[in-house]
Amino acid sequence: MKLFKVILNTIPRPLLIKISYLARPFLQLALKGNKYEDPIDGKKFRKFLPYGYEVQRENVLSPSTLSLERHRILWLYLKAETGLFRENLKVLHFAPEQAFYKRFRNLHNLEYTTTDLNSPLADIKADICDLPFEDESYDFILCNHVLEHIPNDTKAMQELYRVLKPGGTAILQIPQDLSREKTFEDNSITSRELRAKIFGQYDHVRVYGRDYFDKLRSIGFKVEEVDYSETLSPSEINRYRLAAGEIIPVCSK
C-alpha cells in the first residue's frame, strides 16, 4: 500500500484529520469481518489498514477509530488500571487523538481540555514549552507521541511537571527503540527524506532510547514502566493488533 505512505508524507496532519472523518465509513464497510477487533469501539474487521511514514506496518490501523497499536494498548490500560472513566478529574490532553477525543469529551466525570499548536481538535492553541496554565492545575495529563517532535523536550517535560497536580498522573508515550541505550538526535539532518529514514518520520527530531525514563525522573517525575501486554494472552494481542512489549510510561508527581 504505497499510496498510504505517499499520503502520510505529503498531506499536512491537520488536513489528514479532516479527510479521515470522510473516509472512515467507507473503510469500515470495505473491511468488515470478524478476525480482528478494535477494543476502543468493539467493531470487528477482516483486516486492519497499513501505516507508516518510512516503513509500512501491515494490518495496524483500525478502520473505525483510526487507532494504532499504541492507542489500543493505552485504552485497555486506562480502562482497567486508572480512574479516568469514573473519577472526577481535571484532564489535559495534548494533540488529542481521534480515537479518544469524542469518547473523553463525552465522559461527564471529566473536566476535559485539549491543547496543541496545530490540531483542529485543540481547545487551546499552546506551545508545550510555554503553557498558559497555572502551576499544579491538572489531575491527569495525556501527552502521547508529542515529545519526539519538540526540539527542547527538556523544557516541555518541565512544563508538564509544572502543571500536574501533586498525586496526579501523566501518560507520556513516545516512539521508542528499546534496543537503543541512549536517545539519538542530530539537528544537522534537515531533509525530510533523511529525517524520515533516520528518525522514522519526517517531523521527528530524535529517536528515544531506554534513557527516556531516566530523563523523566531527572525532571522530578516518578516513573512506572508499564508493559501492559504482559497481562494479555497471545490471542488477545493478535486479535486487537497490539505491539507486544511496548512500554507505557506512567508518570506521577
Foldseek 3Di string as FASTA:
>chain_A
DVVQLVCQAPDDPQVVVVVLVVQLVVLCVVFADAQAAAVLVGGHGPFAQWDFNQDIDGRAQHSHQRDGQVVRLVVVCCVPPHCLQPAQWEEEEEPDRSSCLVVSVPRPSYNYAYEDQDHPSHPYDDDLLDDPAAFQATQEYEAEQPLQLDPPSLSSLLSVNRNHHAFHKYWYHHQADAVDAAKDFDPVDQDQVVCCVPVRGSRGGIHGYPCPLVSSVVSPKDWDWDQSCVVDDPSNCVNNVHDHPGTTTMTHD
